[in-house]
Amino acid sequence: MFENCLSEWNISKNQIIAVVTDNGSNIKKAAQVTFSVEKYIPCIAHTINLIAEKSISDTNNLSYLLQKVRSIVKFIKNSTIVSDELRKCQTNEGKKIFKLFTIT
């Protein structure tokens, strides 16, 4: 597919400086074979996401904690009273923090 696209768009392989893809073994192999190993760059955002997902899945009780946090957020979003009260607290805390850093 890479070569078909290059041909269709009249681009030669030597015009390609780098190829950035996700870390899927199939696309990685295709990019390396088509353009060379030196031109292949794994996507840093995808790599970070994979690291985060692996860390979460390997951490005991983290999924339980995330479930609890989601239920708290859902509760706050579904309650106008609680939501308004939280907003007031955040505004007041922001004013307190601003006063701490204001030079008098």
PDB file of N, CA and C in Angstrom:
ATOM      1  N   MET A   1       0.824  -1.203   0.000  1.00  0.00           N
ATOM      2  CA  MET A   1       0.000   0.000   0.000  1.00  0.00           C
ATOM      3  C   MET A   1       0.868   1.267   0.000  1.00  0.00           C
ATOM      4  N   PHE A   2       1.975   1.215   0.752  1.00  0.00           N
ATOM      5  CA  PHE A   2       2.854   2.386   0.755  1.00  0.00           C
ATOM      6  C   PHE A   2       3.319   2.698  -0.673  1.00  0.00           C
ATOM      7  N   GLU A   3       3.786   1.667  -1.354  1.00  0.00           N
ATOM      8  CA  GLU A   3       4.302   1.869  -2.710  1.00  0.00           C
ATOM      9  C   GLU A   3       3.207   2.303  -3.676  1.00  0.00           C
ATOM     10  N   ASN A   4       1.997   1.778  -3.512  1.00  0.00           N
ATOM     11  CA  ASN A   4       0.874   2.202  -4.353  1.00  0.00           C
ATOM     12  C   ASN A   4       0.576   3.687  -4.147  1.00  0.00           C
ATOM     13  N   CYS A   5       0.564   4.124  -2.899  1.00  0.00           N
ATOM     14  CA  CYS A   5       0.306   5.535  -2.595  1.00  0.00           C
ATOM     15  C   CYS A   5       1.402   6.427  -3.160  1.00  0.00           C
ATOM     16  N   LEU A   6       2.636   6.014  -2.983  1.00  0.00           N
ATOM     17  CA  LEU A   6       3.751   6.799  -3.515  1.00  0.00           C
ATOM     18  C   LEU A   6       3.631   6.952  -5.024  1.00  0.00           C
ATOM     19  N   SER A   7       3.316   5.858  -5.680  1.00  0.00           N
ATOM     20  CA  SER A   7       3.166   5.871  -7.136  1.00  0.00           C
ATOM     21  C   SER A   7       2.007   6.772  -7.554  1.00  0.00           C
ATOM     22  N   GLU A   8       0.880   6.629  -6.871  1.00  0.00           N
ATOM     23  CA  GLU A   8      -0.314   7.416  -7.196  1.00  0.00           C
ATOM     24  C   GLU A   8      -0.067   8.912  -7.024  1.00  0.00           C
ATOM     25  N   TRP A   9       0.728   9.278  -6.023  1.00  0.00           N
ATOM     26  CA  TRP A   9       0.987  10.688  -5.742  1.00  0.00           C
ATOM     27  C   TRP A   9       2.304  11.190  -6.362  1.00  0.00           C
ATOM     28  N   ASN A  10       2.936  10.337  -7.171  1.00  0.00           N
ATOM     29  CA  ASN A  10       4.195  10.688  -7.841  1.00  0.00           C
ATOM     30  C   ASN A  10       5.287  11.125  -6.855  1.00  0.00           C
ATOM     31  N   ILE A  11       5.443  10.329  -5.813  1.00  0.00           N
ATOM     32  CA  ILE A  11       6.480  10.581  -4.806  1.00  0.00           C
ATOM     33  C   ILE A  11       7.464   9.427  -4.860  1.00  0.00           C
ATOM     34  N   SER A  12       8.756   9.745  -4.900  1.00  0.00           N
ATOM     35  CA  SER A  12       9.760   8.682  -4.893  1.00  0.00           C
ATOM     36  C   SER A  12      10.166   8.375  -3.450  1.00  0.00           C
ATOM     37  N   LYS A  13      10.640   7.161  -3.232  1.00  0.00           N
ATOM     38  CA  LYS A  13      11.031   6.749  -1.878  1.00  0.00           C
ATOM     39  C   LYS A  13      12.112   7.636  -1.286  1.00  0.00           C
ATOM     40  N   ASN A  14      13.026   8.125  -2.129  1.00  0.00           N
ATOM     41  CA  ASN A  14      14.122   8.942  -1.596  1.00  0.00           C
ATOM     42  C   ASN A  14      13.651  10.331  -1.148  1.00  0.00           C
ATOM     43  N   GLN A  15      12.415  10.701  -1.465  1.00  0.00           N
ATOM     44  CA  GLN A  15      11.859  11.963  -0.981  1.00  0.00           C
ATOM     45  C   GLN A  15      11.312  11.829   0.444  1.00  0.00           C
ATOM     46  N   ILE A  16      11.157  10.609   0.902  1.00  0.00           N
ATOM     47  CA  ILE A  16      10.619  10.361   2.236  1.00  0.00           C
ATOM     48  C   ILE A  16      11.744  10.466   3.255  1.00  0.00           C
ATOM     49  N   ILE A  17      11.574  11.356   4.217  1.00  0.00           N
ATOM     50  CA  ILE A  17      12.582  11.557   5.255  1.00  0.00           C
ATOM     51  C   ILE A  17      12.332  10.623   6.422  1.00  0.00           C
ATOM     52  N   ALA A  18      11.062  10.477   6.807  1.00  0.00           N
ATOM     53  CA  ALA A  18      10.716   9.631   7.942  1.00  0.00           C
ATOM     54  C   ALA A  18       9.285   9.130   7.786  1.00  0.00           C
ATOM     55  N   VAL A  19       9.020   7.988   8.406  1.00  0.00           N
ATOM     56  CA  VAL A  19       7.681   7.408   8.424  1.00  0.00           C
ATOM     57  C   VAL A  19       7.321   7.161   9.882  1.00  0.00           C
ATOM     58  N   VAL A  20       6.255   7.809  10.335  1.00  0.00           N
ATOM     59  CA  VAL A  20       5.812   7.681  11.730  1.00  0.00           C
ATOM     60  C   VAL A  20       4.508   6.896  11.737  1.00  0.00           C
ATOM     61  N   THR A  21       4.485   5.793  12.508  1.00  0.00           N
ATOM     62  CA  THR A  21       3.277   4.976  12.600  1.00  0.00           C
ATOM     63  C   THR A  21       3.088   4.515  14.044  1.00  0.00           C
ATOM     64  N   ASP A  22       1.954   3.848  14.268  1.00  0.00           N
ATOM     65  CA  ASP A  22       1.758   3.240  15.580  1.00  0.00           C
ATOM     66  C   ASP A  22       2.726   2.059  15.707  1.00  0.00           C
ATOM     67  N   ASN A  23       2.647   1.348  16.794  1.00  0.00           N
ATOM     68  CA  ASN A  23       3.606   0.272  17.052  1.00  0.00           C
ATOM     69  C   ASN A  23       3.108  -1.099  16.615  1.00  0.00           C
ATOM     70  N   GLY A  24       2.068  -1.140  15.782  1.00  0.00           N
ATOM     71  CA  GLY A  24       1.576  -2.415  15.284  1.00  0.00           C
ATOM     72  C   GLY A  24       2.664  -3.109  14.474  1.00  0.00           C
ATOM     73  N   SER A  25       2.866  -4.384  14.746  1.00  0.00           N
ATOM     74  CA  SER A  25       3.971  -5.098  14.095  1.00  0.00           C
ATOM     75  C   SER A  25       3.818  -5.123  12.575  1.00  0.00           C
ATOM     76  N   ASN A  26       2.583  -5.183  12.079  1.00  0.00           N
ATOM     77  CA  ASN A  26       2.383  -5.235  10.632  1.00  0.00           C
ATOM     78  C   ASN A  26       2.767  -3.928   9.946  1.00  0.00           C
ATOM     79  N   ILE A  27       2.341  -2.800  10.497  1.00  0.00           N
ATOM     80  CA  ILE A  27       2.645  -1.511   9.877  1.00  0.00           C
ATOM     81  C   ILE A  27       4.111  -1.144  10.078  1.00  0.00           C
ATOM     82  N   LYS A  28       4.658  -1.521  11.222  1.00  0.00           N
ATOM     83  CA  LYS A  28       6.076  -1.273  11.501  1.00  0.00           C
ATOM     84  C   LYS A  28       6.939  -2.009  10.474  1.00  0.00           C
ATOM     85  N   LYS A  29       6.629  -3.283  10.267  1.00  0.00           N
ATOM     86  CA  LYS A  29       7.381  -4.104   9.307  1.00  0.00           C
ATOM     87  C   LYS A  29       7.248  -3.533   7.892  1.00  0.00           C
ATOM     88  N   ALA A  30       6.023  -3.154   7.504  1.00  0.00           N
ATOM     89  CA  ALA A  30       5.798  -2.604   6.161  1.00  0.00           C
ATOM     90  C   ALA A  30       6.589  -1.316   5.956  1.00  0.00           C
ATOM     91  N   ALA A  31       6.608  -0.448   6.955  1.00  0.00           N
ATOM     92  CA  ALA A  31       7.347   0.816   6.851  1.00  0.00           C
ATOM     93  C   ALA A  31       8.849   0.568   6.758  1.00  0.00           C
ATOM     94  N   GLN A  32       9.337  -0.369   7.571  1.00  0.00           N
ATOM     95  CA  GLN A  32      10.766  -0.668   7.552  1.00  0.00           C
ATOM     96  C   GLN A  32      11.199  -1.315   6.239  1.00  0.00           C
ATOM     97  N   VAL A  33      10.389  -2.219   5.723  1.00  0.00           N
ATOM     98  CA  VAL A  33      10.724  -2.892   4.457  1.00  0.00           C
ATOM     99  C   VAL A  33      10.651  -1.905   3.292  1.00  0.00           C
ATOM    100  N   THR A  34       9.630  -1.071   3.287  1.00  0.00           N
ATOM    101  CA  THR A  34       9.430  -0.139   2.173  1.00  0.00           C
ATOM    102  C   THR A  34      10.425   1.014   2.200  1.00  0.00           C
ATOM    103  N   PHE A  35      10.675   1.592   3.369  1.00  0.00           N
ATOM    104  CA  PHE A  35      11.461   2.819   3.442  1.00  0.00           C
ATOM    105  C   PHE A  35      12.825   2.664   4.106  1.00  0.00           C
ATOM    106  N   SER A  36      13.050   1.620   4.848  1.00  0.00           N
ATOM    107  CA  SER A  36      14.274   1.285   5.587  1.00  0.00           C
ATOM    108  C   SER A  36      14.039   1.473   7.084  1.00  0.00           C
ATOM    109  N   VAL A  37      14.806   0.716   7.831  1.00  0.00           N
ATOM    110  CA  VAL A  37      14.693   0.755   9.289  1.00  0.00           C
ATOM    111  C   VAL A  37      15.052   2.148   9.809  1.00  0.00           C
ATOM    112  N   GLU A  38      16.008   2.802   9.185  1.00  0.00           N
ATOM    113  CA  GLU A  38      16.472   4.115   9.640  1.00  0.00           C
ATOM    114  C   GLU A  38      15.394   5.186   9.528  1.00  0.00           C
ATOM    115  N   LYS A  39      14.474   5.036   8.585  1.00  0.00           N
ATOM    116  CA  LYS A  39      13.442   6.048   8.386  1.00  0.00           C
ATOM    117  C   LYS A  39      12.189   5.797   9.223  1.00  0.00           C
ATOM    118  N   TYR A  40      12.100   4.634   9.846  1.00  0.00           N
ATOM    119  CA  TYR A  40      10.917   4.308  10.646  1.00  0.00           C
ATOM    120  C   TYR A  40      11.027   4.929  12.029  1.00  0.00           C
ATOM    121  N   ILE A  41       9.971   5.637  12.455  1.00  0.00           N
ATOM    122  CA  ILE A  41       9.910   6.239  13.784  1.00  0.00           C
ATOM    123  C   ILE A  41       8.578   5.832  14.412  1.00  0.00           C
ATOM    124  N   PRO A  42       8.625   5.154  15.562  1.00  0.00           N
ATOM    125  CA  PRO A  42       7.360   4.821  16.225  1.00  0.00           C
ATOM    126  C   PRO A  42       6.727   6.087  16.810  1.00  0.00           C
ATOM    127  N   CYS A  43       5.411   6.185  16.757  1.00  0.00           N
ATOM    128  CA  CYS A  43       4.688   7.349  17.278  1.00  0.00           C
ATOM    129  C   CYS A  43       4.855   7.425  18.798  1.00  0.00           C
ATOM    130  N   ILE A  44       5.365   8.542  19.291  1.00  0.00           N
ATOM    131  CA  ILE A  44       5.619   8.694  20.721  1.00  0.00           C
ATOM    132  C   ILE A  44       4.314   8.720  21.515  1.00  0.00           C
ATOM    133  N   ALA A  45       3.267   9.332  20.959  1.00  0.00           N
ATOM    134  CA  ALA A  45       1.980   9.379  21.669  1.00  0.00           C
ATOM    135  C   ALA A  45       1.416   7.966  21.829  1.00  0.00           C
ATOM    136  N   HIS A  46       1.530   7.162  20.781  1.00  0.00           N
ATOM    137  CA  HIS A  46       1.042   5.785  20.846  1.00  0.00           C
ATOM    138  C   HIS A  46       1.879   4.984  21.845  1.00  0.00           C
ATOM    139  N   THR A  47       3.167   5.199  21.847  1.00  0.00           N
ATOM    140  CA  THR A  47       4.057   4.499  22.774  1.00  0.00           C
ATOM    141  C   THR A  47       3.720   4.848  24.220  1.00  0.00           C
ATOM    142  N   ILE A  48       3.509   6.132  24.489  1.00  0.00           N
ATOM    143  CA  ILE A  48       3.149   6.559  25.847  1.00  0.00           C
ATOM    144  C   ILE A  48       1.813   5.949  26.256  1.00  0.00           C
ATOM    145  N   ASN A  49       0.861   5.921  25.334  1.00  0.00           N
ATOM    146  CA  ASN A  49      -0.440   5.318  25.624  1.00  0.00           C
ATOM    147  C   ASN A  49      -0.293   3.838  25.963  1.00  0.00           C
ATOM    148  N   LEU A  50       0.526   3.126  25.218  1.00  0.00           N
ATOM    149  CA  LEU A  50       0.756   1.705  25.499  1.00  0.00           C
ATOM    150  C   LEU A  50       1.377   1.515  26.887  1.00  0.00           C
ATOM    151  N   ILE A  51       2.316   2.369  27.234  1.00  0.00           N
ATOM    152  CA  ILE A  51       2.959   2.296  28.548  1.00  0.00           C
ATOM    153  C   ILE A  51       1.926   2.533  29.649  1.00  0.00           C
ATOM    154  N   ALA A  52       1.097   3.560  29.463  1.00  0.00           N
ATOM    155  CA  ALA A  52       0.071   3.872  30.469  1.00  0.00           C
ATOM    156  C   ALA A  52      -0.914   2.722  30.623  1.00  0.00           C
ATOM    157  N   GLU A  53      -1.392   2.176  29.503  1.00  0.00           N
ATOM    158  CA  GLU A  53      -2.344   1.059  29.567  1.00  0.00           C
ATOM    159  C   GLU A  53      -1.728  -0.151  30.255  1.00  0.00           C
ATOM    160  N   LYS A  54      -0.480  -0.450  29.937  1.00  0.00           N
ATOM    161  CA  LYS A  54       0.200  -1.593  30.548  1.00  0.00           C
ATOM    162  C   LYS A  54       0.380  -1.369  32.048  1.00  0.00           C
ATOM    163  N   SER A  55       0.753  -0.143  32.417  1.00  0.00           N
ATOM    164  CA  SER A  55       0.935   0.179  33.838  1.00  0.00           C
ATOM    165  C   SER A  55      -0.372   0.031  34.604  1.00  0.00           C
ATOM    166  N   ILE A  56      -1.449   0.506  34.008  1.00  0.00           N
ATOM    167  CA  ILE A  56      -2.757   0.409  34.658  1.00  0.00           C
ATOM    168  C   ILE A  56      -3.164  -1.043  34.826  1.00  0.00           C
ATOM    169  N   SER A  57      -2.993  -1.828  33.774  1.00  0.00           N
ATOM    170  CA  SER A  57      -3.423  -3.231  33.849  1.00  0.00           C
ATOM    171  C   SER A  57      -2.555  -4.056  34.796  1.00  0.00           C
ATOM    172  N   ASP A  58      -1.309  -3.637  35.015  1.00  0.00           N
ATOM    173  CA  ASP A  58      -0.409  -4.370  35.901  1.00  0.00           C
ATOM    174  C   ASP A  58      -0.484  -3.934  37.365  1.00  0.00           C
ATOM    175  N   THR A  59      -1.234  -2.873  37.646  1.00  0.00           N
ATOM    176  CA  THR A  59      -1.306  -2.345  39.005  1.00  0.00           C
ATOM    177  C   THR A  59      -2.522  -2.921  39.718  1.00  0.00           C
ATOM    178  N   ASN A  60      -2.271  -3.606  40.827  1.00  0.00           N
ATOM    179  CA  ASN A  60      -3.366  -4.184  41.601  1.00  0.00           C
ATOM    180  C   ASN A  60      -4.294  -3.096  42.117  1.00  0.00           C
ATOM    181  N   ASN A  61      -5.573  -3.345  42.049  1.00  0.00           N
ATOM    182  CA  ASN A  61      -6.626  -2.477  42.575  1.00  0.00           C
ATOM    183  C   ASN A  61      -6.760  -1.138  41.855  1.00  0.00           C
ATOM    184  N   LEU A  62      -5.952  -0.854  40.843  1.00  0.00           N
ATOM    185  CA  LEU A  62      -6.078   0.419  40.153  1.00  0.00           C
ATOM    186  C   LEU A  62      -7.388   0.483  39.379  1.00  0.00           C
ATOM    187  N   SER A  63      -7.785  -0.605  38.776  1.00  0.00           N
ATOM    188  CA  SER A  63      -9.056  -0.591  38.047  1.00  0.00           C
ATOM    189  C   SER A  63     -10.214  -0.336  39.004  1.00  0.00           C
ATOM    190  N   TYR A  64     -10.127  -0.869  40.227  1.00  0.00           N
ATOM    191  CA  TYR A  64     -11.149  -0.615  41.246  1.00  0.00           C
ATOM    192  C   TYR A  64     -11.177   0.878  41.605  1.00  0.00           C
ATOM    193  N   LEU A  65      -9.996   1.469  41.779  1.00  0.00           N
ATOM    194  CA  LEU A  65      -9.895   2.886  42.092  1.00  0.00           C
ATOM    195  C   LEU A  65     -10.477   3.727  40.958  1.00  0.00           C
ATOM    196  N   LEU A  66     -10.133   3.396  39.713  1.00  0.00           N
ATOM    197  CA  LEU A  66     -10.664   4.131  38.568  1.00  0.00           C
ATOM    198  C   LEU A  66     -12.181   4.028  38.497  1.00  0.00           C
ATOM    199  N   GLN A  67     -12.704   2.871  38.810  1.00  0.00           N
ATOM    200  CA  GLN A  67     -14.155   2.669  38.824  1.00  0.00           C
ATOM    201  C   GLN A  67     -14.805   3.589  39.865  1.00  0.00           C
ATOM    202  N   LYS A  68     -14.195   3.679  41.038  1.00  0.00           N
ATOM    203  CA  LYS A  68     -14.707   4.554  42.099  1.00  0.00           C
ATOM    204  C   LYS A  68     -14.656   6.029  41.666  1.00  0.00           C
ATOM    205  N   VAL A  69     -13.553   6.434  41.064  1.00  0.00           N
ATOM    206  CA  VAL A  69     -13.411   7.822  40.607  1.00  0.00           C
ATOM    207  C   VAL A  69     -14.474   8.128  39.552  1.00  0.00           C
ATOM    208  N   ARG A  70     -14.681   7.213  38.625  1.00  0.00           N
ATOM    209  CA  ARG A  70     -15.711   7.409  37.598  1.00  0.00           C
ATOM    210  C   ARG A  70     -17.095   7.560  38.215  1.00  0.00           C
ATOM    211  N   SER A  71     -17.389   6.766  39.223  1.00  0.00           N
ATOM    212  CA  SER A  71     -18.714   6.855  39.843  1.00  0.00           C
ATOM    213  C   SER A  71     -18.875   8.184  40.593  1.00  0.00           C
ATOM    214  N   ILE A  72     -17.798   8.704  41.188  1.00  0.00           N
ATOM    215  CA  ILE A  72     -17.859  10.008  41.853  1.00  0.00           C
ATOM    216  C   ILE A  72     -18.104  11.114  40.827  1.00  0.00           C
ATOM    217  N   VAL A  73     -17.375  11.059  39.732  1.00  0.00           N
ATOM    218  CA  VAL A  73     -17.544  12.060  38.667  1.00  0.00           C
ATOM    219  C   VAL A  73     -18.970  12.003  38.118  1.00  0.00           C
ATOM    220  N   LYS A  74     -19.457  10.805  37.895  1.00  0.00           N
ATOM    221  CA  LYS A  74     -20.824  10.633  37.384  1.00  0.00           C
ATOM    222  C   LYS A  74     -21.837  11.220  38.366  1.00  0.00           C
ATOM    223  N   PHE A  75     -21.650  10.972  39.653  1.00  0.00           N
ATOM    224  CA  PHE A  75     -22.545  11.509  40.682  1.00  0.00           C
ATOM    225  C   PHE A  75     -22.556  13.035  40.646  1.00  0.00           C
ATOM    226  N   ILE A  76     -21.362  13.629  40.560  1.00  0.00           N
ATOM    227  CA  ILE A  76     -21.257  15.098  40.543  1.00  0.00           C
ATOM    228  C   ILE A  76     -21.913  15.659  39.288  1.00  0.00           C
ATOM    229  N   LYS A  77     -21.668  15.034  38.140  1.00  0.00           N
ATOM    230  CA  LYS A  77     -22.255  15.509  36.885  1.00  0.00           C
ATOM    231  C   LYS A  77     -23.777  15.411  36.890  1.00  0.00           C
ATOM    232  N   ASN A  78     -24.318  14.425  37.589  1.00  0.00           N
ATOM    233  CA  ASN A  78     -25.768  14.208  37.598  1.00  0.00           C
ATOM    234  C   ASN A  78     -26.492  14.999  38.676  1.00  0.00           C
ATOM    235  N   SER A  79     -25.761  15.734  39.517  1.00  0.00           N
ATOM    236  CA  SER A  79     -26.384  16.509  40.582  1.00  0.00           C
ATOM    237  C   SER A  79     -26.038  17.986  40.415  1.00  0.00           C
ATOM    238  N   THR A  80     -27.042  18.780  40.103  1.00  0.00           N
ATOM    239  CA  THR A  80     -26.831  20.216  39.943  1.00  0.00           C
ATOM    240  C   THR A  80     -26.372  20.845  41.248  1.00  0.00           C
ATOM    241  N   ILE A  81     -26.965  20.434  42.352  1.00  0.00           N
ATOM    242  CA  ILE A  81     -26.622  20.992  43.662  1.00  0.00           C
ATOM    243  C   ILE A  81     -25.161  20.709  44.002  1.00  0.00           C
ATOM    244  N   VAL A  82     -24.750  19.456  43.872  1.00  0.00           N
ATOM    245  CA  VAL A  82     -23.366  19.079  44.187  1.00  0.00           C
ATOM    246  C   VAL A  82     -22.402  19.755  43.215  1.00  0.00           C
ATOM    247  N   SER A  83     -22.774  19.793  41.957  1.00  0.00           N
ATOM    248  CA  SER A  83     -21.942  20.410  40.934  1.00  0.00           C
ATOM    249  C   SER A  83     -21.728  21.898  41.225  1.00  0.00           C
ATOM    250  N   ASP A  84     -22.807  22.599  41.582  1.00  0.00           N
ATOM    251  CA  ASP A  84     -22.703  24.022  41.916  1.00  0.00           C
ATOM    252  C   ASP A  84     -21.841  24.244  43.158  1.00  0.00           C
ATOM    253  N   GLU A  85     -22.010  23.382  44.148  1.00  0.00           N
ATOM    254  CA  GLU A  85     -21.235  23.496  45.383  1.00  0.00           C
ATOM    255  C   GLU A  85     -19.742  23.272  45.112  1.00  0.00           C
ATOM    256  N   LEU A  86     -19.432  22.291  44.287  1.00  0.00           N
ATOM    257  CA  LEU A  86     -18.035  22.020  43.918  1.00  0.00           C
ATOM    258  C   LEU A  86     -17.446  23.218  43.176  1.00  0.00           C
ATOM    259  N   ARG A  87     -18.211  23.794  42.270  1.00  0.00           N
ATOM    260  CA  ARG A  87     -17.751  24.960  41.515  1.00  0.00           C
ATOM    261  C   ARG A  87     -17.441  26.126  42.465  1.00  0.00           C
ATOM    262  N   LYS A  88     -18.293  26.350  43.477  1.00  0.00           N
ATOM    263  CA  LYS A  88     -18.054  27.408  44.476  1.00  0.00           C
ATOM    264  C   LYS A  88     -16.751  27.157  45.228  1.00  0.00           C
ATOM    265  N   CYS A  89     -16.565  25.911  45.648  1.00  0.00           N
ATOM    266  CA  CYS A  89     -15.332  25.556  46.379  1.00  0.00           C
ATOM    267  C   CYS A  89     -14.105  25.795  45.511  1.00  0.00           C
ATOM    268  N   GLN A  90     -14.182  25.404  44.249  1.00  0.00           N
ATOM    269  CA  GLN A  90     -13.047  25.592  43.341  1.00  0.00           C
ATOM    270  C   GLN A  90     -12.760  27.072  43.132  1.00  0.00           C
ATOM    271  N   THR A  91     -13.809  27.865  42.996  1.00  0.00           N
ATOM    272  CA  THR A  91     -13.642  29.311  42.814  1.00  0.00           C
ATOM    273  C   THR A  91     -13.005  29.925  44.050  1.00  0.00           C
ATOM    274  N   ASN A  92     -13.505  29.542  45.220  1.00  0.00           N
ATOM    275  CA  ASN A  92     -12.950  30.075  46.469  1.00  0.00           C
ATOM    276  C   ASN A  92     -11.501  29.656  46.654  1.00  0.00           C
ATOM    277  N   GLU A  93     -11.186  28.411  46.359  1.00  0.00           N
ATOM    278  CA  GLU A  93      -9.798  27.947  46.487  1.00  0.00           C
ATOM    279  C   GLU A  93      -8.902  28.690  45.513  1.00  0.00           C
ATOM    280  N   GLY A  94      -9.404  28.929  44.317  1.00  0.00           N
ATOM    281  CA  GLY A  94      -8.636  29.675  43.322  1.00  0.00           C
ATOM    282  C   GLY A  94      -8.310  31.074  43.805  1.00  0.00           C
ATOM    283  N   LYS A  95      -9.286  31.718  44.445  1.00  0.00           N
ATOM    284  CA  LYS A  95      -9.064  33.063  44.986  1.00  0.00           C
ATOM    285  C   LYS A  95      -8.026  33.025  46.099  1.00  0.00           C
ATOM    286  N   LYS A  96      -8.084  31.976  46.952  1.00  0.00           N
ATOM    287  CA  LYS A  96      -7.104  31.847  48.037  1.00  0.00           C
ATOM    288  C   LYS A  96      -5.696  31.667  47.473  1.00  0.00           C
ATOM    289  N   ILE A  97      -5.583  30.826  46.476  1.00  0.00           N
ATOM    290  CA  ILE A  97      -4.270  30.562  45.866  1.00  0.00           C
ATOM    291  C   ILE A  97      -3.751  31.823  45.197  1.00  0.00           C
ATOM    292  N   PHE A  98      -4.657  32.537  44.494  1.00  0.00           N
ATOM    293  CA  PHE A  98      -4.260  33.776  43.833  1.00  0.00           C
ATOM    294  C   PHE A  98      -3.725  34.776  44.855  1.00  0.00           C
ATOM    295  N   LYS A  99      -4.391  34.885  46.027  1.00  0.00           N
ATOM    296  CA  LYS A  99      -3.941  35.811  47.076  1.00  0.00           C
ATOM    297  C   LYS A  99      -2.562  35.427  47.608  1.00  0.00           C
ATOM    298  N   LEU A 100      -2.294  34.126  47.698  1.00  0.00           N
ATOM    299  CA  LEU A 100      -0.980  33.678  48.182  1.00  0.00           C
ATOM    300  C   LEU A 100       0.143  34.143  47.269  1.00  0.00           C
ATOM    301  N   PHE A 101      -0.117  34.183  45.974  1.00  0.00           N
ATOM    302  CA  PHE A 101       0.925  34.515  45.007  1.00  0.00           C
ATOM    303  C   PHE A 101       0.909  35.963  44.550  1.00  0.00           C
ATOM    304  N   THR A 102      -0.019  36.755  45.095  1.00  0.00           N
ATOM    305  CA  THR A 102      -0.093  38.166  44.723  1.00  0.00           C
ATOM    306  C   THR A 102       0.866  38.947  45.608  1.00  0.00           C
ATOM    307  N   ILE A 103       1.710  39.736  44.970  1.00  0.00           N
ATOM    308  CA  ILE A 103       2.671  40.559  45.725  1.00  0.00           C
ATOM    309  C   ILE A 103       1.947  41.817  46.173  1.00  0.00           C
ATOM    310  N   THR A 104       2.043  42.091  47.466  1.00  0.00           N
ATOM    311  CA  THR A 104       1.358  43.276  48.004  1.00  0.00           C
ATOM    312  C   THR A 104       2.338  44.357  48.332  1.00  0.00           C
TER     313      THR A 104
END
